[in-house]
Amino acid sequence: MAKFHLKLAHLYGDLLNTYSDIGNIIALQYYGKMMDAEIESQVISIDDQFNPDAFDLALFGGGQDYEQLVVSRDLPNKKTALTKFINEGKPLLAICGGYQLLGKYYIGANGEKIPGLGILNHYTLSQDNNRFIGNITIKNEETGEEYHGFENHNGRTFLGDGERPLGKVITGHGNNGEDGTEGAIYKATYCSYFHGPILTRNGEIAKHLLLIALHNKYPDADLSRQKALKIVSTF
């Protein structure tokens, strides 16, 4: 029997699941099992209430512009709860569209300006007749870890105050193809354009998210074994 129990909110998982969100959940459950933690997942969708106190971590995935537009109309109903969740330092993984929607706004492929939640200070512009597509490798300058993935996005995201990149680009395009950054970290919120899913190739990120969630929920627990877990490379 698992020693710990964590509850994960899969935000709009019935709509924004284009980029292997289920794979990220499976990866969290896999590494959670190695860390004596059972991960229970629940979809929070349109018109559902999101109670930030009921969840220990969250996943906010991506989709096509149409689905993101639908989600953007419901998001204001969850802004207060999501702001509380993020600012309390609970771990959240946001991929592609979820990443964009946590920021101030993004410009869709048709030029429409779609408002984001504005919890994070980045914004996203579009490209004319171009996408950033291909394998990408980045390095997190704080941990020294290299992350490997695949990017496929029209958006060009520029980070704002309080944000630092998930990593510096070694190969690939990253956030915008200009400043050499990829993704964003704000408190315990991790954002990225990595598809694939990101956590199956980069178990270190899963470990970081799970350790934060475990420490938040079980502050007096001895997590030395979990911290010492060695992540085997999958690339």
C-alpha atoms as a PDB file:
ATOM      1  CA  MET A   1       0.000   0.000   0.000  1.00  0.00           C
ATOM      2  CA  ALA A   2       1.243   3.477  -0.900  1.00  0.00           C
ATOM      3  CA  LYS A   3       2.542   5.521   1.992  1.00  0.00           C
ATOM      4  CA  PHE A   4       1.405   8.831   0.495  1.00  0.00           C
ATOM      5  CA  HIS A   5      -1.625   9.948  -1.509  1.00  0.00           C
ATOM      6  CA  LEU A   6      -1.711  12.882  -3.927  1.00  0.00           C
ATOM      7  CA  LYS A   7      -4.657  14.214  -5.903  1.00  0.00           C
ATOM      8  CA  LEU A   8      -4.072  15.676  -9.356  1.00  0.00           C
ATOM      9  CA  ALA A   9      -6.409  18.090 -11.166  1.00  0.00           C
ATOM     10  CA  HIS A  10      -6.397  17.496 -14.930  1.00  0.00           C
ATOM     11  CA  LEU A  11      -7.624  20.902 -16.082  1.00  0.00           C
ATOM     12  CA  TYR A  12      -9.885  20.659 -19.148  1.00  0.00           C
ATOM     13  CA  GLY A  13      -8.522  17.167 -19.765  1.00  0.00           C
ATOM     14  CA  ASP A  14     -11.514  16.312 -21.952  1.00  0.00           C
ATOM     15  CA  LEU A  15     -10.731  19.226 -24.302  1.00  0.00           C
ATOM     16  CA  LEU A  16      -7.026  20.036 -24.082  1.00  0.00           C
ATOM     17  CA  ASN A  17      -5.451  16.617 -24.472  1.00  0.00           C
ATOM     18  CA  THR A  18      -3.762  16.892 -27.862  1.00  0.00           C
ATOM     19  CA  TYR A  19      -0.209  16.755 -26.596  1.00  0.00           C
ATOM     20  CA  SER A  20      -0.104  13.485 -24.646  1.00  0.00           C
ATOM     21  CA  ASP A  21      -1.446  14.746 -21.325  1.00  0.00           C
ATOM     22  CA  ILE A  22      -2.496  11.190 -20.462  1.00  0.00           C
ATOM     23  CA  GLY A  23       1.132  10.172 -20.922  1.00  0.00           C
ATOM     24  CA  ASN A  24       2.192  12.843 -18.439  1.00  0.00           C
ATOM     25  CA  ILE A  25      -0.329  11.532 -15.923  1.00  0.00           C
ATOM     26  CA  ILE A  26       0.904   7.968 -16.432  1.00  0.00           C
ATOM     27  CA  ALA A  27       4.481   9.187 -15.947  1.00  0.00           C
ATOM     28  CA  LEU A  28       3.548  10.951 -12.698  1.00  0.00           C
ATOM     29  CA  GLN A  29       1.812   7.807 -11.474  1.00  0.00           C
ATOM     30  CA  TYR A  30       4.837   5.706 -12.457  1.00  0.00           C
ATOM     31  CA  TYR A  31       7.347   7.890 -10.629  1.00  0.00           C
ATOM     32  CA  GLY A  32       4.872   8.378  -7.803  1.00  0.00           C
ATOM     33  CA  LYS A  33       4.795   4.613  -7.266  1.00  0.00           C
ATOM     34  CA  MET A  34       8.593   4.627  -7.062  1.00  0.00           C
ATOM     35  CA  MET A  35       8.275   7.344  -4.419  1.00  0.00           C
ATOM     36  CA  ASP A  36       5.599   5.517  -2.373  1.00  0.00           C
ATOM     37  CA  ALA A  37       2.871   7.887  -3.564  1.00  0.00           C
ATOM     38  CA  GLU A  38      -0.457   7.018  -5.163  1.00  0.00           C
ATOM     39  CA  ILE A  39      -1.605   9.631  -7.714  1.00  0.00           C
ATOM     40  CA  GLU A  40      -5.372  10.049  -8.129  1.00  0.00           C
ATOM     41  CA  SER A  41      -6.428  12.057 -11.203  1.00  0.00           C
ATOM     42  CA  GLN A  42      -9.652  14.010 -11.729  1.00  0.00           C
ATOM     43  CA  VAL A  43     -10.714  15.999 -14.804  1.00  0.00           C
ATOM     44  CA  ILE A  44     -11.882  19.565 -14.105  1.00  0.00           C
ATOM     45  CA  SER A  45     -13.733  20.847 -17.180  1.00  0.00           C
ATOM     46  CA  ILE A  46     -16.113  23.538 -18.406  1.00  0.00           C
ATOM     47  CA  ASP A  47     -18.462  24.729 -15.638  1.00  0.00           C
ATOM     48  CA  ASP A  48     -16.768  22.510 -13.040  1.00  0.00           C
ATOM     49  CA  GLN A  49     -15.675  24.105  -9.789  1.00  0.00           C
ATOM     50  CA  PHE A  50     -11.949  23.968  -9.112  1.00  0.00           C
ATOM     51  CA  ASN A  51     -11.233  23.791  -5.387  1.00  0.00           C
ATOM     52  CA  PRO A  52      -7.519  24.560  -4.945  1.00  0.00           C
ATOM     53  CA  ASP A  53      -7.511  23.071  -1.454  1.00  0.00           C
ATOM     54  CA  ALA A  54      -8.698  19.684  -2.733  1.00  0.00           C
ATOM     55  CA  PHE A  55      -5.719  19.052  -5.031  1.00  0.00           C
ATOM     56  CA  ASP A  56      -2.000  18.655  -4.534  1.00  0.00           C
ATOM     57  CA  LEU A  57      -0.816  19.149  -8.124  1.00  0.00           C
ATOM     58  CA  ALA A  58      -2.317  20.005 -11.499  1.00  0.00           C
ATOM     59  CA  LEU A  59      -1.848  19.484 -15.234  1.00  0.00           C
ATOM     60  CA  PHE A  60      -2.981  22.066 -17.793  1.00  0.00           C
ATOM     61  CA  GLY A  61      -2.496  20.762 -21.319  1.00  0.00           C
ATOM     62  CA  GLY A  62      -2.769  22.117 -24.834  1.00  0.00           C
ATOM     63  CA  GLY A  63      -4.987  21.813 -27.872  1.00  0.00           C
ATOM     64  CA  GLN A  64      -5.970  23.500 -31.092  1.00  0.00           C
ATOM     65  CA  ASP A  65      -6.954  27.173 -31.232  1.00  0.00           C
ATOM     66  CA  TYR A  66     -10.686  26.352 -31.266  1.00  0.00           C
ATOM     67  CA  GLU A  67     -10.523  24.304 -28.063  1.00  0.00           C
ATOM     68  CA  GLN A  68      -8.319  26.933 -26.430  1.00  0.00           C
ATOM     69  CA  LEU A  69     -10.850  29.635 -27.328  1.00  0.00           C
ATOM     70  CA  VAL A  70     -13.621  27.582 -25.700  1.00  0.00           C
ATOM     71  CA  VAL A  71     -11.508  27.075 -22.586  1.00  0.00           C
ATOM     72  CA  SER A  72     -10.552  30.772 -22.449  1.00  0.00           C
ATOM     73  CA  ARG A  73     -14.231  31.676 -21.989  1.00  0.00           C
ATOM     74  CA  ASP A  74     -14.532  29.447 -18.928  1.00  0.00           C
ATOM     75  CA  LEU A  75     -11.161  30.256 -17.376  1.00  0.00           C
ATOM     76  CA  PRO A  76     -12.241  33.519 -15.681  1.00  0.00           C
ATOM     77  CA  ASN A  77     -14.549  31.407 -13.490  1.00  0.00           C
ATOM     78  CA  LYS A  78     -11.484  29.573 -12.196  1.00  0.00           C
ATOM     79  CA  LYS A  79      -9.030  32.483 -12.008  1.00  0.00           C
ATOM     80  CA  THR A  80      -9.313  33.101  -8.272  1.00  0.00           C
ATOM     81  CA  ALA A  81      -8.883  29.411  -7.487  1.00  0.00           C
ATOM     82  CA  LEU A  82      -5.976  28.929  -9.905  1.00  0.00           C
ATOM     83  CA  THR A  83      -4.256  32.067  -8.629  1.00  0.00           C
ATOM     84  CA  LYS A  84      -4.483  30.706  -5.080  1.00  0.00           C
ATOM     85  CA  PHE A  85      -3.218  27.285  -6.154  1.00  0.00           C
ATOM     86  CA  ILE A  86      -0.220  28.721  -8.019  1.00  0.00           C
ATOM     87  CA  ASN A  87       0.722  31.391  -5.472  1.00  0.00           C
ATOM     88  CA  GLU A  88       0.591  28.881  -2.633  1.00  0.00           C
ATOM     89  CA  GLY A  89       3.388  27.024  -4.418  1.00  0.00           C
ATOM     90  CA  LYS A  90       1.463  23.934  -5.419  1.00  0.00           C
ATOM     91  CA  PRO A  91       3.001  22.245  -8.482  1.00  0.00           C
ATOM     92  CA  LEU A  92       1.360  22.732 -11.850  1.00  0.00           C
ATOM     93  CA  LEU A  93       2.607  21.530 -15.240  1.00  0.00           C
ATOM     94  CA  ALA A  94       1.347  23.623 -18.178  1.00  0.00           C
ATOM     95  CA  ILE A  95       2.004  22.487 -21.745  1.00  0.00           C
ATOM     96  CA  CYS A  96       1.646  24.578 -24.917  1.00  0.00           C
ATOM     97  CA  GLY A  97      -1.903  26.004 -24.856  1.00  0.00           C
ATOM     98  CA  GLY A  98      -2.086  25.720 -21.075  1.00  0.00           C
ATOM     99  CA  TYR A  99       1.218  27.585 -20.911  1.00  0.00           C
ATOM    100  CA  GLN A 100      -0.126  30.342 -23.160  1.00  0.00           C
ATOM    101  CA  LEU A 101      -3.426  30.672 -21.290  1.00  0.00           C
ATOM    102  CA  LEU A 102      -1.712  31.219 -17.931  1.00  0.00           C
ATOM    103  CA  GLY A 103      -0.124  34.352 -19.392  1.00  0.00           C
ATOM    104  CA  LYS A 104      -1.556  37.730 -20.317  1.00  0.00           C
ATOM    105  CA  TYR A 105      -2.757  36.814 -23.820  1.00  0.00           C
ATOM    106  CA  TYR A 106      -1.857  34.984 -26.989  1.00  0.00           C
ATOM    107  CA  ILE A 107      -2.449  35.731 -30.645  1.00  0.00           C
ATOM    108  CA  GLY A 108      -4.089  32.862 -32.499  1.00  0.00           C
ATOM    109  CA  ALA A 109      -3.068  31.720 -35.969  1.00  0.00           C
ATOM    110  CA  ASN A 110      -5.917  33.787 -37.464  1.00  0.00           C
ATOM    111  CA  GLY A 111      -4.732  36.926 -35.671  1.00  0.00           C
ATOM    112  CA  GLU A 112      -7.373  36.887 -32.931  1.00  0.00           C
ATOM    113  CA  LYS A 113      -6.155  38.101 -29.542  1.00  0.00           C
ATOM    114  CA  ILE A 114      -7.255  35.581 -26.937  1.00  0.00           C
ATOM    115  CA  PRO A 115      -7.045  36.743 -23.312  1.00  0.00           C
ATOM    116  CA  GLY A 116      -5.238  34.614 -20.779  1.00  0.00           C
ATOM    117  CA  LEU A 117      -5.559  34.524 -17.025  1.00  0.00           C
ATOM    118  CA  GLY A 118      -2.643  36.887 -16.436  1.00  0.00           C
ATOM    119  CA  ILE A 119      -1.441  34.912 -13.402  1.00  0.00           C
ATOM    120  CA  LEU A 120       1.963  34.690 -15.083  1.00  0.00           C
ATOM    121  CA  ASN A 121       3.456  37.666 -16.892  1.00  0.00           C
ATOM    122  CA  HIS A 122       4.355  36.196 -20.285  1.00  0.00           C
ATOM    123  CA  TYR A 123       2.534  36.881 -23.544  1.00  0.00           C
ATOM    124  CA  THR A 124       2.454  35.046 -26.872  1.00  0.00           C
ATOM    125  CA  LEU A 125       2.535  36.315 -30.435  1.00  0.00           C
ATOM    126  CA  SER A 126       1.930  34.289 -33.597  1.00  0.00           C
ATOM    127  CA  GLN A 127       4.021  33.703 -36.708  1.00  0.00           C
ATOM    128  CA  ASP A 128       3.075  34.171 -40.346  1.00  0.00           C
ATOM    129  CA  ASN A 129       3.283  30.935 -42.328  1.00  0.00           C
ATOM    130  CA  ASN A 130       5.774  29.342 -39.966  1.00  0.00           C
ATOM    131  CA  ARG A 131       5.940  26.970 -37.014  1.00  0.00           C
ATOM    132  CA  PHE A 132       8.743  25.883 -34.728  1.00  0.00           C
ATOM    133  CA  ILE A 133       8.910  22.135 -35.326  1.00  0.00           C
ATOM    134  CA  GLY A 134      11.532  19.575 -34.421  1.00  0.00           C
ATOM    135  CA  ASN A 135      13.592  17.972 -31.695  1.00  0.00           C
ATOM    136  CA  ILE A 136      14.795  20.276 -28.954  1.00  0.00           C
ATOM    137  CA  THR A 137      17.316  20.046 -26.119  1.00  0.00           C
ATOM    138  CA  ILE A 138      17.575  22.548 -23.289  1.00  0.00           C
ATOM    139  CA  LYS A 139      19.629  22.892 -20.114  1.00  0.00           C
ATOM    140  CA  ASN A 140      18.273  24.046 -16.777  1.00  0.00           C
ATOM    141  CA  GLU A 141      20.971  26.355 -15.468  1.00  0.00           C
ATOM    142  CA  GLU A 142      19.891  25.931 -11.824  1.00  0.00           C
ATOM    143  CA  THR A 143      20.074  22.128 -11.698  1.00  0.00           C
ATOM    144  CA  GLY A 144      22.435  21.418 -14.591  1.00  0.00           C
ATOM    145  CA  GLU A 145      19.881  18.953 -15.976  1.00  0.00           C
ATOM    146  CA  GLU A 146      19.338  18.581 -19.711  1.00  0.00           C
ATOM    147  CA  TYR A 147      15.794  18.070 -20.988  1.00  0.00           C
ATOM    148  CA  HIS A 148      14.962  16.511 -24.357  1.00  0.00           C
ATOM    149  CA  GLY A 149      11.722  16.834 -26.268  1.00  0.00           C
ATOM    150  CA  PHE A 150       9.843  17.744 -29.429  1.00  0.00           C
ATOM    151  CA  GLU A 151       8.334  21.158 -30.181  1.00  0.00           C
ATOM    152  CA  ASN A 152       5.567  22.056 -32.626  1.00  0.00           C
ATOM    153  CA  HIS A 153       4.107  25.520 -32.093  1.00  0.00           C
ATOM    154  CA  ASN A 154       3.159  28.649 -33.964  1.00  0.00           C
ATOM    155  CA  GLY A 155       3.320  30.808 -30.843  1.00  0.00           C
ATOM    156  CA  ARG A 156       6.273  32.978 -29.828  1.00  0.00           C
ATOM    157  CA  THR A 157       6.217  33.424 -26.064  1.00  0.00           C
ATOM    158  CA  PHE A 158       8.128  36.142 -24.209  1.00  0.00           C
ATOM    159  CA  LEU A 159       8.657  35.814 -20.475  1.00  0.00           C
ATOM    160  CA  GLY A 160       7.779  38.564 -18.011  1.00  0.00           C
ATOM    161  CA  ASP A 161       8.560  39.663 -14.473  1.00  0.00           C
ATOM    162  CA  GLY A 162       8.915  36.895 -11.917  1.00  0.00           C
ATOM    163  CA  GLU A 163       9.463  34.169 -14.479  1.00  0.00           C
ATOM    164  CA  ARG A 164      12.628  32.282 -15.301  1.00  0.00           C
ATOM    165  CA  PRO A 165      13.051  29.830 -18.169  1.00  0.00           C
ATOM    166  CA  LEU A 166      12.732  26.097 -17.743  1.00  0.00           C
ATOM    167  CA  GLY A 167      15.974  25.943 -19.669  1.00  0.00           C
ATOM    168  CA  LYS A 168      18.336  27.543 -22.131  1.00  0.00           C
ATOM    169  CA  VAL A 169      18.113  26.191 -25.671  1.00  0.00           C
ATOM    170  CA  ILE A 170      20.986  23.976 -26.819  1.00  0.00           C
ATOM    171  CA  THR A 171      19.310  22.846 -30.036  1.00  0.00           C
ATOM    172  CA  GLY A 172      15.881  23.883 -31.343  1.00  0.00           C
ATOM    173  CA  HIS A 173      13.860  27.086 -31.204  1.00  0.00           C
ATOM    174  CA  GLY A 174      12.328  27.356 -27.725  1.00  0.00           C
ATOM    175  CA  ASN A 175       9.906  30.026 -26.584  1.00  0.00           C
ATOM    176  CA  ASN A 176      10.346  32.444 -29.453  1.00  0.00           C
ATOM    177  CA  GLY A 177      13.401  31.592 -31.546  1.00  0.00           C
ATOM    178  CA  GLU A 178      15.126  34.775 -30.419  1.00  0.00           C
ATOM    179  CA  ASP A 179      16.241  34.845 -26.786  1.00  0.00           C
ATOM    180  CA  GLY A 180      17.370  31.233 -26.334  1.00  0.00           C
ATOM    181  CA  THR A 181      14.846  30.372 -23.632  1.00  0.00           C
ATOM    182  CA  GLU A 182      12.336  27.520 -23.422  1.00  0.00           C
ATOM    183  CA  GLY A 183       9.432  27.245 -21.050  1.00  0.00           C
ATOM    184  CA  ALA A 184       8.927  29.081 -17.806  1.00  0.00           C
ATOM    185  CA  ILE A 185       9.065  28.481 -14.075  1.00  0.00           C
ATOM    186  CA  TYR A 186       7.106  30.580 -11.596  1.00  0.00           C
ATOM    187  CA  LYS A 187       7.028  29.337  -8.003  1.00  0.00           C
ATOM    188  CA  ALA A 188       6.135  25.632  -8.524  1.00  0.00           C
ATOM    189  CA  THR A 189       4.472  26.137 -11.901  1.00  0.00           C
ATOM    190  CA  TYR A 190       6.437  24.591 -14.775  1.00  0.00           C
ATOM    191  CA  CYS A 191       5.548  25.579 -18.339  1.00  0.00           C
ATOM    192  CA  SER A 192       6.856  24.194 -21.624  1.00  0.00           C
ATOM    193  CA  TYR A 193       6.227  23.736 -25.338  1.00  0.00           C
ATOM    194  CA  PHE A 194       7.587  20.169 -25.138  1.00  0.00           C
ATOM    195  CA  HIS A 195       5.156  17.632 -26.561  1.00  0.00           C
ATOM    196  CA  GLY A 196       5.592  13.984 -26.488  1.00  0.00           C
ATOM    197  CA  PRO A 197       4.804  13.814 -23.457  1.00  0.00           C
ATOM    198  CA  ILE A 198       7.487  15.749 -21.587  1.00  0.00           C
ATOM    199  CA  LEU A 199       7.598  13.670 -18.402  1.00  0.00           C
ATOM    200  CA  THR A 200       8.223  10.301 -20.073  1.00  0.00           C
ATOM    201  CA  ARG A 201      11.522  11.603 -21.452  1.00  0.00           C
ATOM    202  CA  ASN A 202      12.379  13.872 -18.547  1.00  0.00           C
ATOM    203  CA  GLY A 203      11.703  12.065 -15.297  1.00  0.00           C
ATOM    204  CA  GLU A 204      13.693  14.668 -13.373  1.00  0.00           C
ATOM    205  CA  ILE A 205      10.860  17.147 -13.889  1.00  0.00           C
ATOM    206  CA  ALA A 206       8.314  14.612 -12.631  1.00  0.00           C
ATOM    207  CA  LYS A 207      10.498  14.045  -9.583  1.00  0.00           C
ATOM    208  CA  HIS A 208      10.721  17.794  -8.874  1.00  0.00           C
ATOM    209  CA  LEU A 209       6.927  18.197  -9.121  1.00  0.00           C
ATOM    210  CA  LEU A 210       6.238  15.199  -6.923  1.00  0.00           C
ATOM    211  CA  LEU A 211       8.753  16.226  -4.260  1.00  0.00           C
ATOM    212  CA  ILE A 212       7.166  19.657  -4.015  1.00  0.00           C
ATOM    213  CA  ALA A 213       3.689  18.148  -3.736  1.00  0.00           C
ATOM    214  CA  LEU A 214       4.821  15.648  -1.093  1.00  0.00           C
ATOM    215  CA  HIS A 215       6.614  18.301   0.954  1.00  0.00           C
ATOM    216  CA  ASN A 216       3.566  20.594   0.800  1.00  0.00           C
ATOM    217  CA  LYS A 217       1.130  17.891   1.935  1.00  0.00           C
ATOM    218  CA  TYR A 218       3.410  15.985   4.315  1.00  0.00           C
ATOM    219  CA  PRO A 219       5.775  18.633   5.723  1.00  0.00           C
ATOM    220  CA  ASP A 220       6.966  16.421   8.598  1.00  0.00           C
ATOM    221  CA  ALA A 221       7.558  13.290   6.505  1.00  0.00           C
ATOM    222  CA  ASP A 222      11.039  11.901   5.916  1.00  0.00           C
ATOM    223  CA  LEU A 223      11.463  12.243   2.155  1.00  0.00           C
ATOM    224  CA  SER A 224      15.157  11.405   2.037  1.00  0.00           C
ATOM    225  CA  ARG A 225      14.520   8.201   0.061  1.00  0.00           C
ATOM    226  CA  GLN A 226      12.355  10.074  -2.445  1.00  0.00           C
ATOM    227  CA  LYS A 227      14.982  12.782  -2.847  1.00  0.00           C
ATOM    228  CA  ALA A 228      17.657  10.158  -3.445  1.00  0.00           C
ATOM    229  CA  LEU A 229      15.688   8.452  -6.237  1.00  0.00           C
ATOM    230  CA  LYS A 230      17.865   8.070  -9.331  1.00  0.00           C
ATOM    231  CA  ILE A 231      16.104   8.843 -12.596  1.00  0.00           C
ATOM    232  CA  VAL A 232      17.100   6.513 -15.428  1.00  0.00           C
ATOM    233  CA  SER A 233      17.557   8.255 -18.789  1.00  0.00           C
ATOM    234  CA  THR A 234      14.875   7.412 -21.382  1.00  0.00           C
ATOM    235  CA  PHE A 235      16.472   9.082 -24.405  1.00  0.00           C
END
